[in-house]
Amino acid sequence: MKDTIEEGKTAAITSYILIVGVFIAMSMNVENKNSFASFHIRQSLGLSITFLSLGAIISNFDSIMVSASMWLFISVLWSYGIFSAISGNSKPLPILGNLFQKVFKTIS
């Protein structure tokens, strides 16, 4: 298990670098499927899609409070995810993590 985490750590951390990092991490994980990297790729893909979706919706509001709330929400989840990847943990993101694992279960 520890070897799996160490082998997948680079791809897991890379996946949290914006949406581009998700695709880079996916390409890094193509040949040697690593379960740790796959877990974090699913989490970060879900987080990126959530960010883009919320951003599209919230851009219609002209309120700094609404925008700041979204940025705070995404920043907290992103921080949780990247620190989880760095420390070698496979804990789902709060609130949405389990949903991301179910929705993106085919991504490995």
N, C-alpha and C. Protein backbone atom coordinates (compact mmCIF):
# COMPACT_ATOMS: atom_id res chain seq x y z
N MET A 1 0.83 -1.20 0.00
CA MET A 1 0.00 0.00 0.00
C MET A 1 0.86 1.25 0.00
N LYS A 2 1.91 1.26 0.83
CA LYS A 2 2.77 2.43 0.91
C LYS A 2 3.48 2.68 -0.43
N ASP A 3 3.86 1.59 -1.12
CA ASP A 3 4.49 1.74 -2.44
C ASP A 3 3.52 2.34 -3.44
N THR A 4 2.25 1.92 -3.36
CA THR A 4 1.23 2.45 -4.26
C THR A 4 1.08 3.96 -4.07
N ILE A 5 1.08 4.39 -2.81
CA ILE A 5 0.94 5.82 -2.52
C ILE A 5 2.14 6.59 -3.05
N GLU A 6 3.34 6.10 -2.78
CA GLU A 6 4.55 6.80 -3.23
C GLU A 6 4.63 6.86 -4.75
N GLU A 7 4.24 5.79 -5.43
CA GLU A 7 4.27 5.78 -6.89
C GLU A 7 3.24 6.73 -7.51
N GLY A 8 2.11 6.89 -6.84
CA GLY A 8 1.05 7.72 -7.39
C GLY A 8 1.02 9.15 -6.88
N LYS A 9 1.91 9.47 -5.96
CA LYS A 9 1.86 10.78 -5.31
C LYS A 9 2.08 11.93 -6.29
N THR A 10 3.00 11.80 -7.22
CA THR A 10 3.27 12.87 -8.18
C THR A 10 2.04 13.15 -9.04
N ALA A 11 1.42 12.11 -9.54
CA ALA A 11 0.22 12.29 -10.36
C ALA A 11 -0.92 12.86 -9.52
N ALA A 12 -1.03 12.41 -8.28
CA ALA A 12 -2.11 12.90 -7.40
C ALA A 12 -1.96 14.39 -7.13
N ILE A 13 -0.76 14.83 -6.84
CA ILE A 13 -0.52 16.25 -6.57
C ILE A 13 -0.71 17.07 -7.84
N THR A 14 -0.21 16.57 -8.95
CA THR A 14 -0.34 17.26 -10.24
C THR A 14 -1.80 17.48 -10.60
N SER A 15 -2.65 16.54 -10.25
CA SER A 15 -4.06 16.64 -10.63
C SER A 15 -4.76 17.86 -10.04
N TYR A 16 -4.22 18.42 -8.97
CA TYR A 16 -4.85 19.58 -8.34
C TYR A 16 -4.38 20.91 -8.92
N ILE A 17 -3.57 20.88 -9.98
CA ILE A 17 -3.10 22.12 -10.62
C ILE A 17 -4.09 22.49 -11.72
N LEU A 18 -5.11 23.21 -11.34
CA LEU A 18 -6.16 23.66 -12.25
C LEU A 18 -6.71 22.49 -13.06
N ILE A 19 -7.44 22.76 -14.10
CA ILE A 19 -8.02 21.69 -14.92
C ILE A 19 -6.94 21.03 -15.78
N VAL A 20 -5.93 21.77 -16.14
CA VAL A 20 -4.84 21.22 -16.96
C VAL A 20 -4.12 20.10 -16.20
N GLY A 21 -3.95 20.28 -14.91
CA GLY A 21 -3.29 19.28 -14.09
C GLY A 21 -4.03 17.95 -14.08
N VAL A 22 -5.34 18.01 -14.17
CA VAL A 22 -6.15 16.78 -14.22
C VAL A 22 -5.78 15.97 -15.45
N PHE A 23 -5.70 16.64 -16.59
CA PHE A 23 -5.39 15.93 -17.83
C PHE A 23 -3.94 15.44 -17.86
N ILE A 24 -3.03 16.21 -17.30
CA ILE A 24 -1.63 15.77 -17.20
C ILE A 24 -1.55 14.54 -16.31
N ALA A 25 -2.22 14.59 -15.15
CA ALA A 25 -2.22 13.45 -14.23
C ALA A 25 -2.87 12.22 -14.85
N MET A 26 -3.93 12.43 -15.63
CA MET A 26 -4.57 11.29 -16.31
C MET A 26 -3.59 10.63 -17.29
N SER A 27 -2.84 11.44 -18.01
CA SER A 27 -1.87 10.87 -18.95
C SER A 27 -0.71 10.19 -18.21
N MET A 28 -0.36 10.70 -17.05
CA MET A 28 0.69 10.07 -16.24
C MET A 28 0.22 8.73 -15.69
N ASN A 29 -1.07 8.56 -15.52
CA ASN A 29 -1.63 7.37 -14.89
C ASN A 29 -2.15 6.35 -15.90
N VAL A 30 -1.92 6.58 -17.19
CA VAL A 30 -2.48 5.71 -18.22
C VAL A 30 -1.83 4.32 -18.20
N GLU A 31 -0.51 4.27 -18.23
CA GLU A 31 0.18 2.99 -18.35
C GLU A 31 0.08 2.15 -17.08
N ASN A 32 0.56 2.69 -15.99
CA ASN A 32 0.54 1.98 -14.72
C ASN A 32 -0.59 2.54 -13.87
N LYS A 33 -1.75 1.91 -13.96
CA LYS A 33 -2.90 2.39 -13.20
C LYS A 33 -2.58 2.35 -11.71
N ASN A 34 -2.62 3.51 -11.08
CA ASN A 34 -2.33 3.61 -9.65
C ASN A 34 -3.61 4.05 -8.95
N SER A 35 -4.06 3.26 -7.98
CA SER A 35 -5.33 3.53 -7.32
C SER A 35 -5.30 4.83 -6.53
N PHE A 36 -4.16 5.17 -5.93
CA PHE A 36 -4.04 6.42 -5.17
C PHE A 36 -4.16 7.62 -6.11
N ALA A 37 -3.44 7.57 -7.22
CA ALA A 37 -3.51 8.66 -8.21
C ALA A 37 -4.92 8.75 -8.79
N SER A 38 -5.53 7.62 -9.10
CA SER A 38 -6.88 7.62 -9.67
C SER A 38 -7.88 8.26 -8.72
N PHE A 39 -7.76 7.95 -7.43
CA PHE A 39 -8.65 8.55 -6.43
C PHE A 39 -8.56 10.07 -6.48
N HIS A 40 -7.34 10.60 -6.48
CA HIS A 40 -7.17 12.06 -6.46
C HIS A 40 -7.50 12.69 -7.80
N ILE A 41 -7.30 11.97 -8.90
CA ILE A 41 -7.71 12.49 -10.20
C ILE A 41 -9.22 12.67 -10.24
N ARG A 42 -9.96 11.69 -9.72
CA ARG A 42 -11.43 11.81 -9.67
C ARG A 42 -11.85 12.99 -8.79
N GLN A 43 -11.20 13.15 -7.65
CA GLN A 43 -11.53 14.24 -6.74
C GLN A 43 -11.26 15.60 -7.41
N SER A 44 -10.10 15.75 -8.01
CA SER A 44 -9.74 17.04 -8.60
C SER A 44 -10.54 17.33 -9.87
N LEU A 45 -10.89 16.30 -10.63
CA LEU A 45 -11.74 16.51 -11.80
C LEU A 45 -13.11 17.02 -11.36
N GLY A 46 -13.67 16.40 -10.35
CA GLY A 46 -14.96 16.85 -9.82
C GLY A 46 -14.88 18.26 -9.29
N LEU A 47 -13.80 18.57 -8.60
CA LEU A 47 -13.61 19.92 -8.05
C LEU A 47 -13.48 20.94 -9.17
N SER A 48 -12.75 20.61 -10.23
CA SER A 48 -12.60 21.53 -11.36
C SER A 48 -13.92 21.77 -12.07
N ILE A 49 -14.69 20.71 -12.27
CA ILE A 49 -16.00 20.86 -12.92
C ILE A 49 -16.94 21.67 -12.03
N THR A 50 -16.89 21.44 -10.73
CA THR A 50 -17.70 22.22 -9.79
C THR A 50 -17.33 23.69 -9.85
N PHE A 51 -16.03 23.97 -9.89
CA PHE A 51 -15.55 25.35 -9.96
C PHE A 51 -16.06 26.03 -11.23
N LEU A 52 -15.91 25.36 -12.36
CA LEU A 52 -16.36 25.96 -13.63
C LEU A 52 -17.88 26.14 -13.65
N SER A 53 -18.62 25.17 -13.14
CA SER A 53 -20.08 25.26 -13.12
C SER A 53 -20.56 26.37 -12.20
N LEU A 54 -20.03 26.39 -10.99
CA LEU A 54 -20.41 27.46 -10.06
C LEU A 54 -20.01 28.83 -10.59
N GLY A 55 -18.83 28.89 -11.20
CA GLY A 55 -18.37 30.17 -11.77
C GLY A 55 -19.30 30.67 -12.86
N ALA A 56 -19.78 29.76 -13.70
CA ALA A 56 -20.70 30.15 -14.77
C ALA A 56 -22.03 30.65 -14.20
N ILE A 57 -22.50 30.00 -13.16
CA ILE A 57 -23.76 30.41 -12.54
C ILE A 57 -23.60 31.71 -11.77
N ILE A 58 -22.56 31.79 -10.97
CA ILE A 58 -22.36 32.94 -10.09
C ILE A 58 -21.95 34.19 -10.87
N SER A 59 -21.40 34.03 -12.06
CA SER A 59 -21.02 35.20 -12.84
C SER A 59 -22.25 36.04 -13.23
N ASN A 60 -23.43 35.43 -13.17
CA ASN A 60 -24.66 36.17 -13.48
C ASN A 60 -25.08 37.11 -12.36
N PHE A 61 -24.57 36.86 -11.16
CA PHE A 61 -24.88 37.73 -10.03
C PHE A 61 -23.83 38.82 -9.94
N ASP A 62 -24.26 39.97 -9.55
CA ASP A 62 -23.32 41.08 -9.40
C ASP A 62 -23.13 41.36 -7.91
N SER A 63 -22.63 40.33 -7.22
CA SER A 63 -22.48 40.44 -5.78
C SER A 63 -21.13 39.90 -5.35
N ILE A 64 -20.36 40.73 -4.69
CA ILE A 64 -19.06 40.31 -4.20
C ILE A 64 -19.20 39.24 -3.13
N MET A 65 -20.29 39.28 -2.36
CA MET A 65 -20.51 38.30 -1.30
C MET A 65 -20.73 36.90 -1.88
N VAL A 66 -21.50 36.82 -2.94
CA VAL A 66 -21.77 35.53 -3.57
C VAL A 66 -20.48 34.98 -4.19
N SER A 67 -19.75 35.85 -4.89
CA SER A 67 -18.49 35.43 -5.51
C SER A 67 -17.46 35.02 -4.47
N ALA A 68 -17.33 35.78 -3.41
CA ALA A 68 -16.37 35.47 -2.35
C ALA A 68 -16.71 34.15 -1.66
N SER A 69 -18.00 33.89 -1.50
CA SER A 69 -18.43 32.62 -0.89
C SER A 69 -18.02 31.43 -1.75
N MET A 70 -18.21 31.56 -3.06
CA MET A 70 -17.81 30.49 -3.96
C MET A 70 -16.30 30.27 -3.91
N TRP A 71 -15.54 31.35 -3.98
CA TRP A 71 -14.08 31.23 -3.96
C TRP A 71 -13.60 30.62 -2.65
N LEU A 72 -14.20 30.98 -1.55
CA LEU A 72 -13.83 30.41 -0.26
C LEU A 72 -14.15 28.92 -0.22
N PHE A 73 -15.32 28.54 -0.68
CA PHE A 73 -15.74 27.14 -0.72
C PHE A 73 -14.77 26.30 -1.55
N ILE A 74 -14.48 26.76 -2.75
CA ILE A 74 -13.58 26.02 -3.65
C ILE A 74 -12.16 25.99 -3.08
N SER A 75 -11.70 27.09 -2.51
CA SER A 75 -10.35 27.15 -1.94
C SER A 75 -10.17 26.18 -0.78
N VAL A 76 -11.18 26.09 0.07
CA VAL A 76 -11.10 25.16 1.20
C VAL A 76 -11.06 23.71 0.69
N LEU A 77 -11.92 23.38 -0.26
CA LEU A 77 -11.91 22.02 -0.81
C LEU A 77 -10.60 21.71 -1.54
N TRP A 78 -10.10 22.67 -2.30
CA TRP A 78 -8.85 22.47 -3.02
C TRP A 78 -7.69 22.26 -2.03
N SER A 79 -7.63 23.07 -1.00
CA SER A 79 -6.58 22.92 0.02
C SER A 79 -6.66 21.56 0.69
N TYR A 80 -7.86 21.15 1.03
CA TYR A 80 -8.06 19.85 1.67
C TYR A 80 -7.56 18.74 0.74
N GLY A 81 -7.92 18.83 -0.54
CA GLY A 81 -7.52 17.80 -1.50
C GLY A 81 -6.03 17.72 -1.72
N ILE A 82 -5.39 18.86 -1.93
CA ILE A 82 -3.96 18.83 -2.23
C ILE A 82 -3.15 18.42 -1.00
N PHE A 83 -3.57 18.86 0.18
CA PHE A 83 -2.84 18.44 1.38
C PHE A 83 -3.07 16.97 1.68
N SER A 84 -4.23 16.46 1.32
CA SER A 84 -4.49 15.03 1.46
C SER A 84 -3.58 14.23 0.52
N ALA A 85 -3.41 14.71 -0.70
CA ALA A 85 -2.52 14.04 -1.66
C ALA A 85 -1.07 14.10 -1.21
N ILE A 86 -0.64 15.25 -0.71
CA ILE A 86 0.75 15.40 -0.25
C ILE A 86 1.03 14.47 0.93
N SER A 87 0.07 14.36 1.84
CA SER A 87 0.30 13.54 3.03
C SER A 87 0.04 12.05 2.80
N GLY A 88 -0.43 11.69 1.61
CA GLY A 88 -0.63 10.28 1.28
C GLY A 88 -1.95 9.72 1.77
N ASN A 89 -2.94 10.58 2.01
CA ASN A 89 -4.26 10.13 2.45
C ASN A 89 -5.22 10.03 1.28
N SER A 90 -6.16 9.12 1.39
CA SER A 90 -7.22 8.97 0.38
C SER A 90 -8.57 9.28 1.00
N LYS A 91 -8.68 10.45 1.58
CA LYS A 91 -9.95 10.87 2.18
C LYS A 91 -10.71 11.70 1.15
N PRO A 92 -12.00 11.38 0.94
CA PRO A 92 -12.78 12.18 -0.01
C PRO A 92 -12.95 13.61 0.48
N LEU A 93 -13.10 14.52 -0.45
CA LEU A 93 -13.35 15.92 -0.10
C LEU A 93 -14.65 16.03 0.70
N PRO A 94 -14.69 16.96 1.64
CA PRO A 94 -15.95 17.15 2.38
C PRO A 94 -17.09 17.54 1.44
N ILE A 95 -18.26 17.11 1.76
CA ILE A 95 -19.51 17.42 1.07
C ILE A 95 -19.63 16.72 -0.29
N LEU A 96 -18.68 16.91 -1.19
CA LEU A 96 -18.82 16.44 -2.57
C LEU A 96 -17.94 15.25 -2.94
N GLY A 97 -16.96 14.91 -2.12
CA GLY A 97 -15.97 13.89 -2.47
C GLY A 97 -16.55 12.52 -2.81
N ASN A 98 -17.48 12.04 -2.00
CA ASN A 98 -18.07 10.73 -2.28
C ASN A 98 -18.86 10.74 -3.59
N LEU A 99 -19.52 11.86 -3.87
CA LEU A 99 -20.24 12.00 -5.14
C LEU A 99 -19.27 11.94 -6.31
N PHE A 100 -18.14 12.62 -6.20
CA PHE A 100 -17.13 12.60 -7.27
C PHE A 100 -16.63 11.18 -7.53
N GLN A 101 -16.43 10.41 -6.46
CA GLN A 101 -15.96 9.03 -6.62
C GLN A 101 -16.99 8.18 -7.36
N LYS A 102 -18.27 8.39 -7.09
CA LYS A 102 -19.33 7.63 -7.75
C LYS A 102 -19.49 8.04 -9.20
N VAL A 103 -19.52 9.35 -9.45
CA VAL A 103 -19.77 9.86 -10.80
C VAL A 103 -18.62 9.52 -11.75
N PHE A 104 -17.40 9.62 -11.25
CA PHE A 104 -16.23 9.40 -12.09
C PHE A 104 -15.57 8.05 -11.85
N LYS A 105 -16.35 7.04 -11.45
CA LYS A 105 -15.79 5.73 -11.10
C LYS A 105 -15.11 5.04 -12.28
N THR A 106 -15.45 5.42 -13.51
CA THR A 106 -14.83 4.80 -14.66
C THR A 106 -13.44 5.36 -14.95
N ILE A 107 -13.11 6.48 -14.33
CA ILE A 107 -11.78 7.07 -14.53
C ILE A 107 -10.81 6.40 -13.56
N SER A 108 -9.80 5.78 -14.15
CA SER A 108 -8.83 5.10 -13.30
C SER A 108 -7.42 5.33 -13.78
